[in-house]
Amino acid sequence: MSNIKVVLFDDNDLLRDSITLLLEDVEDLNLVATFPHCRDVIANIQQTQPDVVIMDIDMPGMTGIEGVKLIRKHYPSLHILMQTVFEDVEKVFAAIKAGAGGYILKNAESNALLEAIREVYTGGAPMSPGIAKKVLMHFQSDPTIQEKEDYRLSNREKEVLALLVQGNSYKMIADKLCITYATVRAHMTKIYEKLHVTSMTEAVAKAINQKLFFSFLWITSFKKNQLQRD
């Protein structure tokens, strides 16, 4: 596999230096550029042609969420990983709705960041456990959660969508459900048609916006993570 080209947008000088040093010794990741703001994000992306963008949320001039929206408009298939100090559920939803593929905290361990970059590149949706827990608590305490529209998804399609929103790549979904990669792609094509979307990001965003399956999704994911830690 060729090196994954990474670009970082963050106004914290120390963090940019830290991530630069971290990625220097990683064979499959190549940090091609860092930027202290995203006011010129489209020109920066055009110049560097990255595979993955790591985007901070709180930056001067233009927020990372606004930057993600611009990237999505011009580069709809580019993989974006949000990295921030915020664990605010609304910011998580805003970032994912804007088009982010994953959401990781800045205080996450180095290995967690490296794995998140690889995972978002392969189609997953990585999320720090602390954020996942807050999202779980949010949905458990929200009495209005329900499936607002019947999209007529089959049980298998619901399983695939559930695993997708939990952060699994197509390959991981195939392994978990004991089906082929091609079958996962076929299910995703049907899911896109039924949800009236054209990409994984839109499917995840719609699941969040419509609050589809989340009382099941996050409880299942959280309990699994807890069992693995125990």
C-alpha atoms as a PDB file:
ATOM      1  CA  MET A   1       0.000   0.000   0.000  1.00  0.00           C
ATOM      2  CA  SER A   2       1.314   3.453  -0.893  1.00  0.00           C
ATOM      3  CA  ASN A   3       1.877   6.063   1.778  1.00  0.00           C
ATOM      4  CA  ILE A   4      -1.185   7.936   3.006  1.00  0.00           C
ATOM      5  CA  LYS A   5      -0.650  11.643   2.392  1.00  0.00           C
ATOM      6  CA  VAL A   6      -1.816  13.734   5.349  1.00  0.00           C
ATOM      7  CA  VAL A   7      -2.407  17.469   5.750  1.00  0.00           C
ATOM      8  CA  LEU A   8      -2.982  19.115   9.132  1.00  0.00           C
ATOM      9  CA  PHE A   9      -4.923  22.319   9.873  1.00  0.00           C
ATOM     10  CA  ASP A  10      -4.424  23.571  13.443  1.00  0.00           C
ATOM     11  CA  ASP A  11      -3.534  26.932  14.985  1.00  0.00           C
ATOM     12  CA  ASN A  12      -1.613  25.332  17.874  1.00  0.00           C
ATOM     13  CA  ASP A  13       2.093  25.536  17.026  1.00  0.00           C
ATOM     14  CA  LEU A  14       3.108  22.913  19.581  1.00  0.00           C
ATOM     15  CA  LEU A  15       0.517  20.446  18.345  1.00  0.00           C
ATOM     16  CA  ARG A  16       1.578  20.872  14.732  1.00  0.00           C
ATOM     17  CA  ASP A  17       5.202  20.251  15.736  1.00  0.00           C
ATOM     18  CA  SER A  18       4.195  17.245  17.836  1.00  0.00           C
ATOM     19  CA  ILE A  19       2.214  15.598  15.026  1.00  0.00           C
ATOM     20  CA  THR A  20       5.020  16.367  12.567  1.00  0.00           C
ATOM     21  CA  LEU A  21       7.497  14.512  14.794  1.00  0.00           C
ATOM     22  CA  LEU A  22       5.052  11.663  15.351  1.00  0.00           C
ATOM     23  CA  LEU A  23       4.471  11.029  11.648  1.00  0.00           C
ATOM     24  CA  GLU A  24       8.145  11.303  10.692  1.00  0.00           C
ATOM     25  CA  ASP A  25       8.804   7.739  11.859  1.00  0.00           C
ATOM     26  CA  VAL A  26       5.628   6.130  10.512  1.00  0.00           C
ATOM     27  CA  GLU A  27       6.261   4.285   7.256  1.00  0.00           C
ATOM     28  CA  ASP A  28       2.744   4.306   5.817  1.00  0.00           C
ATOM     29  CA  LEU A  29       1.871   7.928   6.708  1.00  0.00           C
ATOM     30  CA  ASN A  30       3.348  11.019   5.110  1.00  0.00           C
ATOM     31  CA  LEU A  31       2.591  14.476   6.534  1.00  0.00           C
ATOM     32  CA  VAL A  32       2.954  16.653   3.451  1.00  0.00           C
ATOM     33  CA  ALA A  33       1.979  20.026   4.979  1.00  0.00           C
ATOM     34  CA  THR A  34       0.627  21.820   8.051  1.00  0.00           C
ATOM     35  CA  PHE A  35      -1.354  25.052   8.174  1.00  0.00           C
ATOM     36  CA  PRO A  36      -2.234  27.352  11.139  1.00  0.00           C
ATOM     37  CA  HIS A  37      -5.681  28.209   9.729  1.00  0.00           C
ATOM     38  CA  CYS A  38      -8.102  27.080   7.030  1.00  0.00           C
ATOM     39  CA  ARG A  39      -8.903  30.414   5.427  1.00  0.00           C
ATOM     40  CA  ASP A  40      -7.158  29.191   2.241  1.00  0.00           C
ATOM     41  CA  VAL A  41      -8.247  25.596   2.631  1.00  0.00           C
ATOM     42  CA  ILE A  42      -9.215  24.928  -0.985  1.00  0.00           C
ATOM     43  CA  ALA A  43      -5.964  26.356  -2.356  1.00  0.00           C
ATOM     44  CA  ASN A  44      -4.049  24.381   0.285  1.00  0.00           C
ATOM     45  CA  ILE A  45      -5.796  21.143  -0.673  1.00  0.00           C
ATOM     46  CA  GLN A  46      -5.304  21.784  -4.363  1.00  0.00           C
ATOM     47  CA  GLN A  47      -1.589  22.368  -3.801  1.00  0.00           C
ATOM     48  CA  THR A  48      -0.928  19.344  -1.555  1.00  0.00           C
ATOM     49  CA  GLN A  49      -3.448  16.766  -2.862  1.00  0.00           C
ATOM     50  CA  PRO A  50      -3.740  14.832   0.435  1.00  0.00           C
ATOM     51  CA  ASP A  51      -5.523  11.558   1.103  1.00  0.00           C
ATOM     52  CA  VAL A  52      -6.523  12.546   4.646  1.00  0.00           C
ATOM     53  CA  VAL A  53      -7.102  15.959   6.237  1.00  0.00           C
ATOM     54  CA  ILE A  54      -6.776  16.396  10.007  1.00  0.00           C
ATOM     55  CA  MET A  55      -8.870  19.427  10.925  1.00  0.00           C
ATOM     56  CA  ASP A  56      -9.074  21.390  14.176  1.00  0.00           C
ATOM     57  CA  ILE A  57     -12.445  22.947  15.039  1.00  0.00           C
ATOM     58  CA  ASP A  58     -11.570  26.218  16.747  1.00  0.00           C
ATOM     59  CA  MET A  59      -9.290  28.288  14.486  1.00  0.00           C
ATOM     60  CA  PRO A  60      -9.046  32.023  13.771  1.00  0.00           C
ATOM     61  CA  GLY A  61     -10.851  33.456  10.764  1.00  0.00           C
ATOM     62  CA  MET A  62     -12.731  30.316   9.806  1.00  0.00           C
ATOM     63  CA  THR A  63     -13.779  27.393  11.973  1.00  0.00           C
ATOM     64  CA  GLY A  64     -12.814  23.849  11.098  1.00  0.00           C
ATOM     65  CA  ILE A  65     -16.462  22.968  10.527  1.00  0.00           C
ATOM     66  CA  GLU A  66     -16.735  25.744   7.945  1.00  0.00           C
ATOM     67  CA  GLY A  67     -13.506  24.468   6.422  1.00  0.00           C
ATOM     68  CA  VAL A  68     -14.924  20.956   6.180  1.00  0.00           C
ATOM     69  CA  LYS A  69     -18.006  22.260   4.381  1.00  0.00           C
ATOM     70  CA  LEU A  70     -15.790  23.970   1.808  1.00  0.00           C
ATOM     71  CA  ILE A  71     -13.688  20.847   1.316  1.00  0.00           C
ATOM     72  CA  ARG A  72     -16.797  18.716   0.844  1.00  0.00           C
ATOM     73  CA  LYS A  73     -18.097  21.123  -1.786  1.00  0.00           C
ATOM     74  CA  HIS A  74     -14.919  20.911  -3.871  1.00  0.00           C
ATOM     75  CA  TYR A  75     -13.526  17.508  -2.858  1.00  0.00           C
ATOM     76  CA  PRO A  76     -16.500  15.289  -1.908  1.00  0.00           C
ATOM     77  CA  SER A  77     -14.466  12.082  -1.575  1.00  0.00           C
ATOM     78  CA  LEU A  78     -11.577  13.450   0.533  1.00  0.00           C
ATOM     79  CA  HIS A  79     -11.245  11.812   3.964  1.00  0.00           C
ATOM     80  CA  ILE A  80     -11.461  14.236   6.912  1.00  0.00           C
ATOM     81  CA  LEU A  81     -10.620  13.548  10.559  1.00  0.00           C
ATOM     82  CA  MET A  82     -11.611  16.168  13.140  1.00  0.00           C
ATOM     83  CA  GLN A  83      -9.150  16.614  16.011  1.00  0.00           C
ATOM     84  CA  THR A  84     -10.214  18.828  18.889  1.00  0.00           C
ATOM     85  CA  VAL A  85     -10.383  19.403  22.627  1.00  0.00           C
ATOM     86  CA  PHE A  86     -14.187  19.594  22.492  1.00  0.00           C
ATOM     87  CA  GLU A  87     -16.391  16.706  23.642  1.00  0.00           C
ATOM     88  CA  ASP A  88     -19.566  18.697  22.925  1.00  0.00           C
ATOM     89  CA  VAL A  89     -22.157  16.412  21.313  1.00  0.00           C
ATOM     90  CA  GLU A  90     -23.523  19.233  19.162  1.00  0.00           C
ATOM     91  CA  LYS A  91     -20.050  19.943  17.790  1.00  0.00           C
ATOM     92  CA  VAL A  92     -19.658  16.252  16.998  1.00  0.00           C
ATOM     93  CA  PHE A  93     -22.933  16.273  15.058  1.00  0.00           C
ATOM     94  CA  ALA A  94     -22.089  19.556  13.332  1.00  0.00           C
ATOM     95  CA  ALA A  95     -18.700  18.205  12.238  1.00  0.00           C
ATOM     96  CA  ILE A  96     -20.134  14.949  10.902  1.00  0.00           C
ATOM     97  CA  LYS A  97     -23.024  16.701   9.169  1.00  0.00           C
ATOM     98  CA  ALA A  98     -20.485  19.008   7.538  1.00  0.00           C
ATOM     99  CA  GLY A  99     -18.714  15.970   6.120  1.00  0.00           C
ATOM    100  CA  ALA A 100     -16.107  14.803   8.639  1.00  0.00           C
ATOM    101  CA  GLY A 101     -15.401  11.089   8.590  1.00  0.00           C
ATOM    102  CA  GLY A 102     -14.156  10.788  12.182  1.00  0.00           C
ATOM    103  CA  TYR A 103     -13.727  12.691  15.424  1.00  0.00           C
ATOM    104  CA  ILE A 104     -10.770  12.258  17.795  1.00  0.00           C
ATOM    105  CA  LEU A 105      -9.691  14.207  20.864  1.00  0.00           C
ATOM    106  CA  LYS A 106      -6.338  15.971  20.988  1.00  0.00           C
ATOM    107  CA  ASN A 107      -5.429  14.221  24.224  1.00  0.00           C
ATOM    108  CA  ALA A 108      -5.789  10.797  22.604  1.00  0.00           C
ATOM    109  CA  GLU A 109      -2.718   8.575  22.671  1.00  0.00           C
ATOM    110  CA  SER A 110      -0.377   8.733  19.675  1.00  0.00           C
ATOM    111  CA  ASN A 111      -1.297   5.232  18.521  1.00  0.00           C
ATOM    112  CA  ALA A 112      -4.992   6.146  18.614  1.00  0.00           C
ATOM    113  CA  LEU A 113      -4.366   9.080  16.274  1.00  0.00           C
ATOM    114  CA  LEU A 114      -2.345   6.934  13.870  1.00  0.00           C
ATOM    115  CA  GLU A 115      -5.056   4.267  13.798  1.00  0.00           C
ATOM    116  CA  ALA A 116      -7.767   6.917  13.343  1.00  0.00           C
ATOM    117  CA  ILE A 117      -5.935   8.283  10.282  1.00  0.00           C
ATOM    118  CA  ARG A 118      -5.662   4.808   8.773  1.00  0.00           C
ATOM    119  CA  GLU A 119      -9.258   3.968   9.625  1.00  0.00           C
ATOM    120  CA  VAL A 120     -10.789   7.102   8.152  1.00  0.00           C
ATOM    121  CA  TYR A 121      -8.670   6.551   5.012  1.00  0.00           C
ATOM    122  CA  THR A 122     -10.117   3.055   4.553  1.00  0.00           C
ATOM    123  CA  GLY A 123     -13.704   4.225   4.932  1.00  0.00           C
ATOM    124  CA  GLY A 124     -14.199   3.913   8.678  1.00  0.00           C
ATOM    125  CA  ALA A 125     -15.583   6.538  11.042  1.00  0.00           C
ATOM    126  CA  PRO A 126     -13.271   6.571  14.094  1.00  0.00           C
ATOM    127  CA  MET A 127     -14.447   8.275  17.261  1.00  0.00           C
ATOM    128  CA  SER A 128     -12.714   8.695  20.620  1.00  0.00           C
ATOM    129  CA  PRO A 129     -14.328   6.559  23.378  1.00  0.00           C
ATOM    130  CA  GLY A 130     -15.006   9.649  25.501  1.00  0.00           C
ATOM    131  CA  ILE A 131     -17.001  11.218  22.694  1.00  0.00           C
ATOM    132  CA  ALA A 132     -18.849   7.984  21.947  1.00  0.00           C
ATOM    133  CA  LYS A 133     -19.829   7.771  25.628  1.00  0.00           C
ATOM    134  CA  LYS A 134     -21.217  11.317  25.616  1.00  0.00           C
ATOM    135  CA  VAL A 135     -23.209  10.601  22.461  1.00  0.00           C
ATOM    136  CA  LEU A 136     -24.570   7.444  24.073  1.00  0.00           C
ATOM    137  CA  MET A 137     -25.636   9.371  27.182  1.00  0.00           C
ATOM    138  CA  HIS A 138     -27.239  12.042  25.011  1.00  0.00           C
ATOM    139  CA  PHE A 139     -29.405   9.544  23.176  1.00  0.00           C
ATOM    140  CA  GLN A 140     -30.244   7.544  26.272  1.00  0.00           C
ATOM    141  CA  SER A 141     -31.547  10.692  27.968  1.00  0.00           C
ATOM    142  CA  ASP A 142     -33.440  12.031  24.944  1.00  0.00           C
ATOM    143  CA  PRO A 143     -37.088  10.846  25.075  1.00  0.00           C
ATOM    144  CA  THR A 144     -37.806  12.061  21.550  1.00  0.00           C
ATOM    145  CA  ILE A 145     -35.491   9.609  19.795  1.00  0.00           C
ATOM    146  CA  GLN A 146     -37.374   7.628  17.213  1.00  0.00           C
ATOM    147  CA  GLU A 147     -37.159   6.680  13.574  1.00  0.00           C
ATOM    148  CA  LYS A 148     -38.846   9.673  11.975  1.00  0.00           C
ATOM    149  CA  GLU A 149     -39.310   8.177   8.535  1.00  0.00           C
ATOM    150  CA  ASP A 150     -39.657   4.637   7.288  1.00  0.00           C
ATOM    151  CA  TYR A 151     -36.926   4.202   4.691  1.00  0.00           C
ATOM    152  CA  ARG A 152     -37.857   0.508   4.317  1.00  0.00           C
ATOM    153  CA  LEU A 153     -34.375  -0.736   5.086  1.00  0.00           C
ATOM    154  CA  SER A 154     -34.057  -4.492   5.424  1.00  0.00           C
ATOM    155  CA  ASN A 155     -32.688  -5.967   8.649  1.00  0.00           C
ATOM    156  CA  ARG A 156     -29.353  -6.639   6.948  1.00  0.00           C
ATOM    157  CA  GLU A 157     -29.215  -3.096   5.585  1.00  0.00           C
ATOM    158  CA  LYS A 158     -29.870  -1.802   9.107  1.00  0.00           C
ATOM    159  CA  GLU A 159     -27.012  -3.966  10.399  1.00  0.00           C
ATOM    160  CA  VAL A 160     -24.663  -2.617   7.721  1.00  0.00           C
ATOM    161  CA  LEU A 161     -25.679   0.984   8.417  1.00  0.00           C
ATOM    162  CA  ALA A 162     -25.322   0.421  12.159  1.00  0.00           C
ATOM    163  CA  LEU A 163     -21.779  -0.904  11.747  1.00  0.00           C
ATOM    164  CA  LEU A 164     -20.943   1.930   9.354  1.00  0.00           C
ATOM    165  CA  VAL A 165     -22.013   4.613  11.837  1.00  0.00           C
ATOM    166  CA  GLN A 166     -20.088   2.835  14.586  1.00  0.00           C
ATOM    167  CA  GLY A 167     -16.918   3.487  12.586  1.00  0.00           C
ATOM    168  CA  ASN A 168     -16.354   0.257  10.676  1.00  0.00           C
ATOM    169  CA  SER A 169     -14.863   0.189   7.186  1.00  0.00           C
ATOM    170  CA  TYR A 170     -16.451  -1.914   4.438  1.00  0.00           C
ATOM    171  CA  LYS A 171     -13.853  -4.637   5.036  1.00  0.00           C
ATOM    172  CA  MET A 172     -14.539  -4.655   8.779  1.00  0.00           C
ATOM    173  CA  ILE A 173     -18.300  -4.841   8.149  1.00  0.00           C
ATOM    174  CA  ALA A 174     -17.766  -7.795   5.818  1.00  0.00           C
ATOM    175  CA  ASP A 175     -15.723  -9.589   8.490  1.00  0.00           C
ATOM    176  CA  LYS A 176     -18.230  -8.898  11.283  1.00  0.00           C
ATOM    177  CA  LEU A 177     -21.234 -10.041   9.245  1.00  0.00           C
ATOM    178  CA  CYS A 178     -19.395 -12.952   7.542  1.00  0.00           C
ATOM    179  CA  ILE A 179     -20.205 -11.650   4.071  1.00  0.00           C
ATOM    180  CA  THR A 180     -18.028 -10.547   1.166  1.00  0.00           C
ATOM    181  CA  TYR A 181     -16.726  -7.040   0.538  1.00  0.00           C
ATOM    182  CA  ALA A 182     -18.753  -6.992  -2.694  1.00  0.00           C
ATOM    183  CA  THR A 183     -21.915  -7.831  -0.748  1.00  0.00           C
ATOM    184  CA  VAL A 184     -21.277  -4.932   1.625  1.00  0.00           C
ATOM    185  CA  ARG A 185     -20.907  -2.611  -1.359  1.00  0.00           C
ATOM    186  CA  ALA A 186     -24.179  -3.957  -2.790  1.00  0.00           C
ATOM    187  CA  HIS A 187     -25.970  -3.314   0.510  1.00  0.00           C
ATOM    188  CA  MET A 188     -24.504   0.213   0.648  1.00  0.00           C
ATOM    189  CA  THR A 189     -25.788   0.911  -2.856  1.00  0.00           C
ATOM    190  CA  LYS A 190     -29.296  -0.029  -1.696  1.00  0.00           C
ATOM    191  CA  ILE A 191     -28.914   2.040   1.477  1.00  0.00           C
ATOM    192  CA  TYR A 192     -27.864   5.077  -0.581  1.00  0.00           C
ATOM    193  CA  GLU A 193     -30.918   4.628  -2.815  1.00  0.00           C
ATOM    194  CA  LYS A 194     -33.348   4.275   0.089  1.00  0.00           C
ATOM    195  CA  LEU A 195     -31.898   7.161   2.099  1.00  0.00           C
ATOM    196  CA  HIS A 196     -31.621   9.297  -1.059  1.00  0.00           C
ATOM    197  CA  VAL A 197     -27.900   9.990  -0.507  1.00  0.00           C
ATOM    198  CA  THR A 198     -24.810   9.556  -2.682  1.00  0.00           C
ATOM    199  CA  SER A 199     -21.960   8.946  -0.232  1.00  0.00           C
ATOM    200  CA  MET A 200     -20.996   7.350   3.084  1.00  0.00           C
ATOM    201  CA  THR A 201     -20.692  10.770   4.703  1.00  0.00           C
ATOM    202  CA  GLU A 202     -24.228  11.698   3.659  1.00  0.00           C
ATOM    203  CA  ALA A 203     -25.539   8.349   4.922  1.00  0.00           C
ATOM    204  CA  VAL A 204     -23.913   8.869   8.331  1.00  0.00           C
ATOM    205  CA  ALA A 205     -25.086  12.487   8.448  1.00  0.00           C
ATOM    206  CA  LYS A 206     -28.654  11.485   7.631  1.00  0.00           C
ATOM    207  CA  ALA A 207     -28.586   8.764  10.273  1.00  0.00           C
ATOM    208  CA  ILE A 208     -27.534  11.392  12.817  1.00  0.00           C
ATOM    209  CA  ASN A 209     -29.931  14.058  11.571  1.00  0.00           C
ATOM    210  CA  GLN A 210     -32.910  11.696  11.498  1.00  0.00           C
ATOM    211  CA  LYS A 211     -31.730   9.924  14.690  1.00  0.00           C
ATOM    212  CA  LEU A 212     -31.976   6.575  12.922  1.00  0.00           C
ATOM    213  CA  PHE A 213     -31.174   3.494  14.991  1.00  0.00           C
ATOM    214  CA  PHE A 214     -29.042   5.369  17.536  1.00  0.00           C
ATOM    215  CA  SER A 215     -30.587   4.030  20.724  1.00  0.00           C
ATOM    216  CA  PHE A 216     -29.468   0.620  19.444  1.00  0.00           C
ATOM    217  CA  LEU A 217     -26.247   1.717  17.776  1.00  0.00           C
ATOM    218  CA  TRP A 218     -24.504   3.464  20.598  1.00  0.00           C
ATOM    219  CA  ILE A 219     -25.645   1.104  23.350  1.00  0.00           C
ATOM    220  CA  THR A 220     -24.324  -1.847  21.342  1.00  0.00           C
ATOM    221  CA  SER A 221     -21.048  -0.098  20.515  1.00  0.00           C
ATOM    222  CA  PHE A 222     -20.501   1.208  24.038  1.00  0.00           C
ATOM    223  CA  LYS A 223     -21.221  -2.151  25.699  1.00  0.00           C
ATOM    224  CA  LYS A 224     -18.841  -3.874  23.296  1.00  0.00           C
ATOM    225  CA  ASN A 225     -16.066  -1.401  24.071  1.00  0.00           C
ATOM    226  CA  GLN A 226     -16.652  -1.838  27.792  1.00  0.00           C
ATOM    227  CA  LEU A 227     -16.430  -5.634  27.496  1.00  0.00           C
ATOM    228  CA  GLN A 228     -13.179  -5.345  25.554  1.00  0.00           C
ATOM    229  CA  ARG A 229     -11.695  -3.110  28.259  1.00  0.00           C
ATOM    230  CA  ASP A 230     -12.855  -5.435  31.042  1.00  0.00           C
END
